[in-house]
mmCIF file of all heavy atoms, coordinates in Angstrom:
data_MODEL
# 
_entry.id   MODEL 
# 
loop_
_atom_site.group_PDB 
_atom_site.id 
_atom_site.type_symbol 
_atom_site.label_atom_id 
_atom_site.label_alt_id 
_atom_site.label_comp_id 
_atom_site.label_asym_id 
_atom_site.label_entity_id 
_atom_site.label_seq_id 
_atom_site.pdbx_PDB_ins_code 
_atom_site.Cartn_x 
_atom_site.Cartn_y 
_atom_site.Cartn_z 
_atom_site.occupancy 
_atom_site.B_iso_or_equiv 
_atom_site.pdbx_formal_charge 
_atom_site.auth_seq_id 
_atom_site.auth_comp_id 
_atom_site.auth_asym_id 
_atom_site.auth_atom_id 
_atom_site.pdbx_PDB_model_num 
ATOM 1   N N   . THR A 1 1  ? 16.721 -24.545 -25.381 1.00 0.00 ? 1  THR A N   1 
ATOM 2   C CA  . THR A 1 1  ? 16.357 -23.168 -25.710 1.00 0.00 ? 1  THR A CA  1 
ATOM 3   C C   . THR A 1 1  ? 17.541 -22.227 -25.552 1.00 0.00 ? 1  THR A C   1 
ATOM 4   O O   . THR A 1 1  ? 17.765 -21.359 -26.380 1.00 0.00 ? 1  THR A O   1 
ATOM 5   C CB  . THR A 1 1  ? 15.199 -22.701 -24.808 1.00 0.00 ? 1  THR A CB  1 
ATOM 6   O OG1 . THR A 1 1  ? 14.102 -23.592 -24.975 1.00 0.00 ? 1  THR A OG1 1 
ATOM 7   C CG2 . THR A 1 1  ? 14.762 -21.296 -25.167 1.00 0.00 ? 1  THR A CG2 1 
ATOM 8   N N   . LEU A 1 2  ? 18.299 -22.414 -24.482 1.00 0.00 ? 2  LEU A N   1 
ATOM 9   C CA  . LEU A 1 2  ? 19.433 -21.524 -24.225 1.00 0.00 ? 2  LEU A CA  1 
ATOM 10  C C   . LEU A 1 2  ? 20.693 -21.942 -24.976 1.00 0.00 ? 2  LEU A C   1 
ATOM 11  O O   . LEU A 1 2  ? 21.632 -21.158 -25.091 1.00 0.00 ? 2  LEU A O   1 
ATOM 12  C CB  . LEU A 1 2  ? 19.723 -21.469 -22.727 1.00 0.00 ? 2  LEU A CB  1 
ATOM 13  C CG  . LEU A 1 2  ? 18.602 -20.911 -21.850 1.00 0.00 ? 2  LEU A CG  1 
ATOM 14  C CD1 . LEU A 1 2  ? 19.016 -20.945 -20.391 1.00 0.00 ? 2  LEU A CD1 1 
ATOM 15  C CD2 . LEU A 1 2  ? 18.244 -19.500 -22.278 1.00 0.00 ? 2  LEU A CD2 1 
ATOM 16  N N   . GLY A 1 3  ? 20.718 -23.176 -25.457 1.00 0.00 ? 3  GLY A N   1 
ATOM 17  C CA  . GLY A 1 3  ? 21.877 -23.643 -26.199 1.00 0.00 ? 3  GLY A CA  1 
ATOM 18  C C   . GLY A 1 3  ? 23.086 -23.926 -25.318 1.00 0.00 ? 3  GLY A C   1 
ATOM 19  O O   . GLY A 1 3  ? 24.218 -23.731 -25.742 1.00 0.00 ? 3  GLY A O   1 
ATOM 20  N N   . ILE A 1 4  ? 22.824 -24.369 -24.088 1.00 0.00 ? 4  ILE A N   1 
ATOM 21  C CA  . ILE A 1 4  ? 23.918 -24.686 -23.165 1.00 0.00 ? 4  ILE A CA  1 
ATOM 22  C C   . ILE A 1 4  ? 23.703 -26.088 -22.607 1.00 0.00 ? 4  ILE A C   1 
ATOM 23  O O   . ILE A 1 4  ? 22.665 -26.719 -22.833 1.00 0.00 ? 4  ILE A O   1 
ATOM 24  C CB  . ILE A 1 4  ? 24.030 -23.650 -22.022 1.00 0.00 ? 4  ILE A CB  1 
ATOM 25  C CG1 . ILE A 1 4  ? 22.732 -23.560 -21.211 1.00 0.00 ? 4  ILE A CG1 1 
ATOM 26  C CG2 . ILE A 1 4  ? 24.398 -22.286 -22.577 1.00 0.00 ? 4  ILE A CG2 1 
ATOM 27  C CD1 . ILE A 1 4  ? 22.814 -22.627 -20.025 1.00 0.00 ? 4  ILE A CD1 1 
ATOM 28  N N   . ASP A 1 5  ? 24.675 -26.576 -21.849 1.00 0.00 ? 5  ASP A N   1 
ATOM 29  C CA  . ASP A 1 5  ? 24.635 -27.907 -21.269 1.00 0.00 ? 5  ASP A CA  1 
ATOM 30  C C   . ASP A 1 5  ? 23.652 -27.957 -20.096 1.00 0.00 ? 5  ASP A C   1 
ATOM 31  O O   . ASP A 1 5  ? 23.385 -26.937 -19.445 1.00 0.00 ? 5  ASP A O   1 
ATOM 32  C CB  . ASP A 1 5  ? 26.044 -28.277 -20.789 1.00 0.00 ? 5  ASP A CB  1 
ATOM 33  C CG  . ASP A 1 5  ? 26.167 -29.756 -20.509 1.00 0.00 ? 5  ASP A CG  1 
ATOM 34  O OD1 . ASP A 1 5  ? 25.627 -30.549 -21.284 1.00 0.00 ? 5  ASP A OD1 1 
ATOM 35  O OD2 . ASP A 1 5  ? 26.815 -30.100 -19.495 1.00 0.00 ? 5  ASP A OD2 1 
ATOM 36  N N   . LYS A 1 6  ? 23.119 -29.139 -19.817 1.00 0.00 ? 6  LYS A N   1 
ATOM 37  C CA  . LYS A 1 6  ? 22.171 -29.305 -18.703 1.00 0.00 ? 6  LYS A CA  1 
ATOM 38  C C   . LYS A 1 6  ? 22.791 -28.902 -17.361 1.00 0.00 ? 6  LYS A C   1 
ATOM 39  O O   . LYS A 1 6  ? 22.140 -28.294 -16.529 1.00 0.00 ? 6  LYS A O   1 
ATOM 40  C CB  . LYS A 1 6  ? 21.693 -30.753 -18.619 1.00 0.00 ? 6  LYS A CB  1 
ATOM 41  C CG  . LYS A 1 6  ? 20.711 -31.151 -19.678 1.00 0.00 ? 6  LYS A CG  1 
ATOM 42  C CD  . LYS A 1 6  ? 20.240 -32.581 -19.450 1.00 0.00 ? 6  LYS A CD  1 
ATOM 43  C CE  . LYS A 1 6  ? 19.238 -32.980 -20.506 1.00 0.00 ? 6  LYS A CE  1 
ATOM 44  N NZ  . LYS A 1 6  ? 18.731 -34.347 -20.286 1.00 0.00 ? 6  LYS A NZ  1 
ATOM 45  N N   . LYS A 1 7  ? 24.048 -29.244 -17.170 1.00 0.00 ? 7  LYS A N   1 
ATOM 46  C CA  . LYS A 1 7  ? 24.721 -28.896 -15.911 1.00 0.00 ? 7  LYS A CA  1 
ATOM 47  C C   . LYS A 1 7  ? 24.853 -27.386 -15.763 1.00 0.00 ? 7  LYS A C   1 
ATOM 48  O O   . LYS A 1 7  ? 24.743 -26.851 -14.655 1.00 0.00 ? 7  LYS A O   1 
ATOM 49  C CB  . LYS A 1 7  ? 26.097 -29.551 -15.855 1.00 0.00 ? 7  LYS A CB  1 
ATOM 50  C CG  . LYS A 1 7  ? 26.035 -31.048 -15.734 1.00 0.00 ? 7  LYS A CG  1 
ATOM 51  C CD  . LYS A 1 7  ? 27.416 -31.647 -15.703 1.00 0.00 ? 7  LYS A CD  1 
ATOM 52  C CE  . LYS A 1 7  ? 27.322 -33.167 -15.631 1.00 0.00 ? 7  LYS A CE  1 
ATOM 53  N NZ  . LYS A 1 7  ? 28.637 -33.798 -15.637 1.00 0.00 ? 7  LYS A NZ  1 
ATOM 54  N N   . ASP A 1 8  ? 25.061 -26.682 -16.873 1.00 0.00 ? 8  ASP A N   1 
ATOM 55  C CA  . ASP A 1 8  ? 25.145 -25.220 -16.820 1.00 0.00 ? 8  ASP A CA  1 
ATOM 56  C C   . ASP A 1 8  ? 23.801 -24.603 -16.446 1.00 0.00 ? 8  ASP A C   1 
ATOM 57  O O   . ASP A 1 8  ? 23.739 -23.609 -15.728 1.00 0.00 ? 8  ASP A O   1 
ATOM 58  C CB  . ASP A 1 8  ? 25.635 -24.668 -18.152 1.00 0.00 ? 8  ASP A CB  1 
ATOM 59  C CG  . ASP A 1 8  ? 27.063 -25.074 -18.462 1.00 0.00 ? 8  ASP A CG  1 
ATOM 60  O OD1 . ASP A 1 8  ? 27.820 -25.344 -17.510 1.00 0.00 ? 8  ASP A OD1 1 
ATOM 61  O OD2 . ASP A 1 8  ? 27.416 -25.119 -19.661 1.00 0.00 ? 8  ASP A OD2 1 
ATOM 62  N N   . VAL A 1 9  ? 22.721 -25.199 -16.938 1.00 0.00 ? 9  VAL A N   1 
ATOM 63  C CA  . VAL A 1 9  ? 21.384 -24.711 -16.576 1.00 0.00 ? 9  VAL A CA  1 
ATOM 64  C C   . VAL A 1 9  ? 21.142 -24.922 -15.088 1.00 0.00 ? 9  VAL A C   1 
ATOM 65  O O   . VAL A 1 9  ? 20.619 -24.036 -14.403 1.00 0.00 ? 9  VAL A O   1 
ATOM 66  C CB  . VAL A 1 9  ? 20.291 -25.405 -17.415 1.00 0.00 ? 9  VAL A CB  1 
ATOM 67  C CG1 . VAL A 1 9  ? 18.901 -25.085 -16.887 1.00 0.00 ? 9  VAL A CG1 1 
ATOM 68  C CG2 . VAL A 1 9  ? 20.388 -25.009 -18.872 1.00 0.00 ? 9  VAL A CG2 1 
ATOM 69  N N   . GLN A 1 10 ? 21.537 -26.064 -14.570 1.00 0.00 ? 10 GLN A N   1 
ATOM 70  C CA  . GLN A 1 10 ? 21.345 -26.337 -13.147 1.00 0.00 ? 10 GLN A CA  1 
ATOM 71  C C   . GLN A 1 10 ? 22.116 -25.337 -12.290 1.00 0.00 ? 10 GLN A C   1 
ATOM 72  O O   . GLN A 1 10 ? 21.586 -24.814 -11.304 1.00 0.00 ? 10 GLN A O   1 
ATOM 73  C CB  . GLN A 1 10 ? 21.796 -27.762 -12.819 1.00 0.00 ? 10 GLN A CB  1 
ATOM 74  C CG  . GLN A 1 10 ? 20.880 -28.817 -13.390 1.00 0.00 ? 10 GLN A CG  1 
ATOM 75  C CD  . GLN A 1 10 ? 21.433 -30.229 -13.221 1.00 0.00 ? 10 GLN A CD  1 
ATOM 76  O OE1 . GLN A 1 10 ? 22.572 -30.412 -12.803 1.00 0.00 ? 10 GLN A OE1 1 
ATOM 77  N NE2 . GLN A 1 10 ? 20.614 -31.215 -13.561 1.00 0.00 ? 10 GLN A NE2 1 
ATOM 78  N N   . SER A 1 11 ? 23.351 -25.047 -12.666 1.00 0.00 ? 11 SER A N   1 
ATOM 79  C CA  . SER A 1 11 ? 24.121 -24.075 -11.879 1.00 0.00 ? 11 SER A CA  1 
ATOM 80  C C   . SER A 1 11 ? 23.547 -22.666 -12.034 1.00 0.00 ? 11 SER A C   1 
ATOM 81  O O   . SER A 1 11 ? 23.564 -21.879 -11.081 1.00 0.00 ? 11 SER A O   1 
ATOM 82  C CB  . SER A 1 11 ? 25.595 -24.101 -12.280 1.00 0.00 ? 11 SER A CB  1 
ATOM 83  O OG  . SER A 1 11 ? 25.759 -23.679 -13.607 1.00 0.00 ? 11 SER A OG  1 
ATOM 84  N N   . LEU A 1 12 ? 23.003 -22.340 -13.206 1.00 0.00 ? 12 LEU A N   1 
ATOM 85  C CA  . LEU A 1 12 ? 22.378 -21.032 -13.422 1.00 0.00 ? 12 LEU A CA  1 
ATOM 86  C C   . LEU A 1 12 ? 21.165 -20.868 -12.518 1.00 0.00 ? 12 LEU A C   1 
ATOM 87  O O   . LEU A 1 12 ? 20.968 -19.813 -11.901 1.00 0.00 ? 12 LEU A O   1 
ATOM 88  C CB  . LEU A 1 12 ? 21.978 -20.883 -14.899 1.00 0.00 ? 12 LEU A CB  1 
ATOM 89  C CG  . LEU A 1 12 ? 21.384 -19.559 -15.336 1.00 0.00 ? 12 LEU A CG  1 
ATOM 90  C CD1 . LEU A 1 12 ? 22.468 -18.478 -15.334 1.00 0.00 ? 12 LEU A CD1 1 
ATOM 91  C CD2 . LEU A 1 12 ? 20.768 -19.674 -16.716 1.00 0.00 ? 12 LEU A CD2 1 
ATOM 92  N N   . VAL A 1 13 ? 20.369 -21.918 -12.402 1.00 0.00 ? 13 VAL A N   1 
ATOM 93  C CA  . VAL A 1 13 ? 19.172 -21.870 -11.555 1.00 0.00 ? 13 VAL A CA  1 
ATOM 94  C C   . VAL A 1 13 ? 19.563 -21.749 -10.078 1.00 0.00 ? 13 VAL A C   1 
ATOM 95  O O   . VAL A 1 13 ? 18.927 -21.019 -9.318  1.00 0.00 ? 13 VAL A O   1 
ATOM 96  C CB  . VAL A 1 13 ? 18.289 -23.120 -11.797 1.00 0.00 ? 13 VAL A CB  1 
ATOM 97  C CG1 . VAL A 1 13 ? 17.181 -23.227 -10.764 1.00 0.00 ? 13 VAL A CG1 1 
ATOM 98  C CG2 . VAL A 1 13 ? 17.712 -23.086 -13.201 1.00 0.00 ? 13 VAL A CG2 1 
ATOM 99  N N   . ILE A 1 14 ? 20.624 -22.440 -9.668  1.00 0.00 ? 14 ILE A N   1 
ATOM 100 C CA  . ILE A 1 14 ? 21.062 -22.375 -8.268  1.00 0.00 ? 14 ILE A CA  1 
ATOM 101 C C   . ILE A 1 14 ? 21.629 -20.995 -7.938  1.00 0.00 ? 14 ILE A C   1 
ATOM 102 O O   . ILE A 1 14 ? 21.336 -20.425 -6.888  1.00 0.00 ? 14 ILE A O   1 
ATOM 103 C CB  . ILE A 1 14 ? 22.099 -23.486 -7.989  1.00 0.00 ? 14 ILE A CB  1 
ATOM 104 C CG1 . ILE A 1 14 ? 21.407 -24.853 -8.042  1.00 0.00 ? 14 ILE A CG1 1 
ATOM 105 C CG2 . ILE A 1 14 ? 22.770 -23.279 -6.642  1.00 0.00 ? 14 ILE A CG2 1 
ATOM 106 C CD1 . ILE A 1 14 ? 22.364 -26.027 -8.032  1.00 0.00 ? 14 ILE A CD1 1 
ATOM 107 N N   . GLU A 1 15 ? 22.402 -20.436 -8.852  1.00 0.00 ? 15 GLU A N   1 
ATOM 108 C CA  . GLU A 1 15 ? 23.029 -19.131 -8.611  1.00 0.00 ? 15 GLU A CA  1 
ATOM 109 C C   . GLU A 1 15 ? 22.038 -17.974 -8.673  1.00 0.00 ? 15 GLU A C   1 
ATOM 110 O O   . GLU A 1 15 ? 22.193 -16.980 -7.976  1.00 0.00 ? 15 GLU A O   1 
ATOM 111 C CB  . GLU A 1 15 ? 24.141 -18.888 -9.635  1.00 0.00 ? 15 GLU A CB  1 
ATOM 112 C CG  . GLU A 1 15 ? 25.349 -19.773 -9.456  1.00 0.00 ? 15 GLU A CG  1 
ATOM 113 C CD  . GLU A 1 15 ? 26.366 -19.579 -10.567 1.00 0.00 ? 15 GLU A CD  1 
ATOM 114 O OE1 . GLU A 1 15 ? 26.258 -18.603 -11.344 1.00 0.00 ? 15 GLU A OE1 1 
ATOM 115 O OE2 . GLU A 1 15 ? 27.267 -20.423 -10.673 1.00 0.00 ? 15 GLU A OE2 1 
ATOM 116 N N   . HIS A 1 16 ? 21.029 -18.090 -9.525  1.00 0.00 ? 16 HIS A N   1 
ATOM 117 C CA  . HIS A 1 16 ? 20.075 -16.986 -9.738  1.00 0.00 ? 16 HIS A CA  1 
ATOM 118 C C   . HIS A 1 16 ? 18.672 -17.451 -9.370  1.00 0.00 ? 16 HIS A C   1 
ATOM 119 O O   . HIS A 1 16 ? 17.980 -18.089 -10.156 1.00 0.00 ? 16 HIS A O   1 
ATOM 120 C CB  . HIS A 1 16 ? 20.106 -16.529 -11.201 1.00 0.00 ? 16 HIS A CB  1 
ATOM 121 C CG  . HIS A 1 16 ? 21.442 -16.039 -11.646 1.00 0.00 ? 16 HIS A CG  1 
ATOM 122 N ND1 . HIS A 1 16 ? 21.879 -14.766 -11.389 1.00 0.00 ? 16 HIS A ND1 1 
ATOM 123 C CD2 . HIS A 1 16 ? 22.439 -16.662 -12.331 1.00 0.00 ? 16 HIS A CD2 1 
ATOM 124 C CE1 . HIS A 1 16 ? 23.085 -14.614 -11.902 1.00 0.00 ? 16 HIS A CE1 1 
ATOM 125 N NE2 . HIS A 1 16 ? 23.458 -15.749 -12.467 1.00 0.00 ? 16 HIS A NE2 1 
ATOM 126 N N   . LYS A 1 17 ? 18.263 -17.104 -8.184  1.00 0.00 ? 17 LYS A N   1 
ATOM 127 C CA  . LYS A 1 17 ? 16.926 -17.488 -7.707  1.00 0.00 ? 17 LYS A CA  1 
ATOM 128 C C   . LYS A 1 17 ? 15.821 -16.643 -8.358  1.00 0.00 ? 17 LYS A C   1 
ATOM 129 O O   . LYS A 1 17 ? 14.660 -17.002 -8.295  1.00 0.00 ? 17 LYS A O   1 
ATOM 130 C CB  . LYS A 1 17 ? 16.839 -17.342 -6.183  1.00 0.00 ? 17 LYS A CB  1 
ATOM 131 C CG  . LYS A 1 17 ? 17.820 -18.205 -5.435  1.00 0.00 ? 17 LYS A CG  1 
ATOM 132 C CD  . LYS A 1 17 ? 17.493 -19.653 -5.612  1.00 0.00 ? 17 LYS A CD  1 
ATOM 133 C CE  . LYS A 1 17 ? 18.479 -20.478 -4.779  1.00 0.00 ? 17 LYS A CE  1 
ATOM 134 N NZ  . LYS A 1 17 ? 18.340 -21.898 -4.986  1.00 0.00 ? 17 LYS A NZ  1 
ATOM 135 N N   . ASP A 1 18 ? 16.212 -15.527 -8.991  1.00 0.00 ? 18 ASP A N   1 
ATOM 136 C CA  . ASP A 1 18 ? 15.224 -14.631 -9.592  1.00 0.00 ? 18 ASP A CA  1 
ATOM 137 C C   . ASP A 1 18 ? 14.877 -15.019 -11.035 1.00 0.00 ? 18 ASP A C   1 
ATOM 138 O O   . ASP A 1 18 ? 14.168 -14.281 -11.720 1.00 0.00 ? 18 ASP A O   1 
ATOM 139 C CB  . ASP A 1 18 ? 15.721 -13.190 -9.552  1.00 0.00 ? 18 ASP A CB  1 
ATOM 140 C CG  . ASP A 1 18 ? 16.999 -12.991 -10.361 1.00 0.00 ? 18 ASP A CG  1 
ATOM 141 O OD1 . ASP A 1 18 ? 17.775 -13.957 -10.481 1.00 0.00 ? 18 ASP A OD1 1 
ATOM 142 O OD2 . ASP A 1 18 ? 17.208 -11.875 -10.870 1.00 0.00 ? 18 ASP A OD2 1 
ATOM 143 N N   . ILE A 1 19 ? 15.324 -16.170 -11.483 1.00 0.00 ? 19 ILE A N   1 
ATOM 144 C CA  . ILE A 1 19 ? 15.014 -16.606 -12.849 1.00 0.00 ? 19 ILE A CA  1 
ATOM 145 C C   . ILE A 1 19 ? 13.496 -16.784 -12.975 1.00 0.00 ? 19 ILE A C   1 
ATOM 146 O O   . ILE A 1 19 ? 12.851 -17.344 -12.084 1.00 0.00 ? 19 ILE A O   1 
ATOM 147 C CB  . ILE A 1 19 ? 15.780 -17.907 -13.179 1.00 0.00 ? 19 ILE A CB  1 
ATOM 148 C CG1 . ILE A 1 19 ? 15.625 -18.272 -14.654 1.00 0.00 ? 19 ILE A CG1 1 
ATOM 149 C CG2 . ILE A 1 19 ? 15.359 -19.052 -12.300 1.00 0.00 ? 19 ILE A CG2 1 
ATOM 150 C CD1 . ILE A 1 19 ? 16.571 -19.366 -15.099 1.00 0.00 ? 19 ILE A CD1 1 
ATOM 151 N N   . PRO A 1 20 ? 12.888 -16.265 -14.043 1.00 0.00 ? 20 PRO A N   1 
ATOM 152 C CA  . PRO A 1 20 ? 11.427 -16.361 -14.179 1.00 0.00 ? 20 PRO A CA  1 
ATOM 153 C C   . PRO A 1 20 ? 10.988 -17.813 -14.401 1.00 0.00 ? 20 PRO A C   1 
ATOM 154 O O   . PRO A 1 20 ? 11.460 -18.469 -15.332 1.00 0.00 ? 20 PRO A O   1 
ATOM 155 C CB  . PRO A 1 20 ? 11.109 -15.489 -15.398 1.00 0.00 ? 20 PRO A CB  1 
ATOM 156 C CG  . PRO A 1 20 ? 12.389 -15.342 -16.132 1.00 0.00 ? 20 PRO A CG  1 
ATOM 157 C CD  . PRO A 1 20 ? 13.490 -15.532 -15.164 1.00 0.00 ? 20 PRO A CD  1 
ATOM 158 N N   . HIS A 1 21 ? 10.108 -18.295 -13.537 1.00 0.00 ? 21 HIS A N   1 
ATOM 159 C CA  . HIS A 1 21 ? 9.612  -19.657 -13.655 1.00 0.00 ? 21 HIS A CA  1 
ATOM 160 C C   . HIS A 1 21 ? 8.214  -19.764 -13.067 1.00 0.00 ? 21 HIS A C   1 
ATOM 161 O O   . HIS A 1 21 ? 7.764  -18.897 -12.326 1.00 0.00 ? 21 HIS A O   1 
ATOM 162 C CB  . HIS A 1 21 ? 10.561 -20.647 -12.965 1.00 0.00 ? 21 HIS A CB  1 
ATOM 163 C CG  . HIS A 1 21 ? 10.616 -20.463 -11.482 1.00 0.00 ? 21 HIS A CG  1 
ATOM 164 N ND1 . HIS A 1 21 ? 11.354 -19.485 -10.889 1.00 0.00 ? 21 HIS A ND1 1 
ATOM 165 C CD2 . HIS A 1 21 ? 10.014 -21.161 -10.486 1.00 0.00 ? 21 HIS A CD2 1 
ATOM 166 C CE1 . HIS A 1 21 ? 11.219 -19.575 -9.582  1.00 0.00 ? 21 HIS A CE1 1 
ATOM 167 N NE2 . HIS A 1 21 ? 10.395 -20.567 -9.304  1.00 0.00 ? 21 HIS A NE2 1 
ATOM 168 N N   . ILE A 1 22 ? 7.552  -20.850 -13.402 1.00 0.00 ? 22 ILE A N   1 
ATOM 169 C CA  . ILE A 1 22 ? 6.201  -21.148 -12.920 1.00 0.00 ? 22 ILE A CA  1 
ATOM 170 C C   . ILE A 1 22 ? 6.203  -22.595 -12.461 1.00 0.00 ? 22 ILE A C   1 
ATOM 171 O O   . ILE A 1 22 ? 6.759  -23.467 -13.135 1.00 0.00 ? 22 ILE A O   1 
ATOM 172 C CB  . ILE A 1 22 ? 5.156  -20.965 -14.041 1.00 0.00 ? 22 ILE A CB  1 
ATOM 173 C CG1 . ILE A 1 22 ? 5.158  -19.533 -14.559 1.00 0.00 ? 22 ILE A CG1 1 
ATOM 174 C CG2 . ILE A 1 22 ? 3.778  -21.376 -13.583 1.00 0.00 ? 22 ILE A CG2 1 
ATOM 175 C CD1 . ILE A 1 22 ? 4.326  -19.340 -15.811 1.00 0.00 ? 22 ILE A CD1 1 
ATOM 176 N N   . VAL A 1 23 ? 5.571  -22.875 -11.334 1.00 0.00 ? 23 VAL A N   1 
ATOM 177 C CA  . VAL A 1 23 ? 5.458  -24.237 -10.836 1.00 0.00 ? 23 VAL A CA  1 
ATOM 178 C C   . VAL A 1 23 ? 4.008  -24.688 -11.010 1.00 0.00 ? 23 VAL A C   1 
ATOM 179 O O   . VAL A 1 23 ? 3.087  -24.056 -10.498 1.00 0.00 ? 23 VAL A O   1 
ATOM 180 C CB  . VAL A 1 23 ? 5.879  -24.337 -9.352  1.00 0.00 ? 23 VAL A CB  1 
ATOM 181 C CG1 . VAL A 1 23 ? 5.724  -25.769 -8.853  1.00 0.00 ? 23 VAL A CG1 1 
ATOM 182 C CG2 . VAL A 1 23 ? 7.297  -23.845 -9.164  1.00 0.00 ? 23 VAL A CG2 1 
ATOM 183 N N   . ILE A 1 24 ? 3.829  -25.787 -11.766 1.00 0.00 ? 24 ILE A N   1 
ATOM 184 C CA  . ILE A 1 24 ? 2.498  -26.357 -11.993 1.00 0.00 ? 24 ILE A CA  1 
ATOM 185 C C   . ILE A 1 24 ? 2.589  -27.848 -11.662 1.00 0.00 ? 24 ILE A C   1 
ATOM 186 O O   . ILE A 1 24 ? 3.370  -28.578 -12.287 1.00 0.00 ? 24 ILE A O   1 
ATOM 187 C CB  . ILE A 1 24 ? 2.041  -26.168 -13.455 1.00 0.00 ? 24 ILE A CB  1 
ATOM 188 C CG1 . ILE A 1 24 ? 2.041  -24.692 -13.843 1.00 0.00 ? 24 ILE A CG1 1 
ATOM 189 C CG2 . ILE A 1 24 ? 0.664  -26.793 -13.678 1.00 0.00 ? 24 ILE A CG2 1 
ATOM 190 C CD1 . ILE A 1 24 ? 1.792  -24.441 -15.312 1.00 0.00 ? 24 ILE A CD1 1 
ATOM 191 N N   . ASN A 1 25 ? 1.804  -28.286 -10.681 1.00 0.00 ? 25 ASN A N   1 
ATOM 192 C CA  . ASN A 1 25 ? 1.814  -29.695 -10.257 1.00 0.00 ? 25 ASN A CA  1 
ATOM 193 C C   . ASN A 1 25 ? 3.228  -30.200 -9.966  1.00 0.00 ? 25 ASN A C   1 
ATOM 194 O O   . ASN A 1 25 ? 3.640  -31.261 -10.433 1.00 0.00 ? 25 ASN A O   1 
ATOM 195 C CB  . ASN A 1 25 ? 1.154  -30.591 -11.313 1.00 0.00 ? 25 ASN A CB  1 
ATOM 196 C CG  . ASN A 1 25 ? -0.324 -30.342 -11.432 1.00 0.00 ? 25 ASN A CG  1 
ATOM 197 O OD1 . ASN A 1 25 ? -0.967 -29.921 -10.478 1.00 0.00 ? 25 ASN A OD1 1 
ATOM 198 N ND2 . ASN A 1 25 ? -0.868 -30.578 -12.608 1.00 0.00 ? 25 ASN A ND2 1 
ATOM 199 N N   . ASN A 1 26 ? 3.957  -29.422 -9.238  1.00 0.00 ? 26 ASN A N   1 
ATOM 200 C CA  . ASN A 1 26 ? 5.343  -29.742 -8.855  1.00 0.00 ? 26 ASN A CA  1 
ATOM 201 C C   . ASN A 1 26 ? 6.299  -29.857 -10.045 1.00 0.00 ? 26 ASN A C   1 
ATOM 202 O O   . ASN A 1 26 ? 7.372  -30.431 -9.926  1.00 0.00 ? 26 ASN A O   1 
ATOM 203 C CB  . ASN A 1 26 ? 5.405  -31.022 -8.013  1.00 0.00 ? 26 ASN A CB  1 
ATOM 204 C CG  . ASN A 1 26 ? 4.722  -30.855 -6.690  1.00 0.00 ? 26 ASN A CG  1 
ATOM 205 O OD1 . ASN A 1 26 ? 4.740  -29.772 -6.104  1.00 0.00 ? 26 ASN A OD1 1 
ATOM 206 N ND2 . ASN A 1 26 ? 4.088  -31.912 -6.206  1.00 0.00 ? 26 ASN A ND2 1 
# 
């Protein structure tokens, strides 16, 4: 969706805890 590498998404999630997300069944 974002058009970036998987590793970049992982670092984005680690750096920005305020990213909008939902947890369903872990």
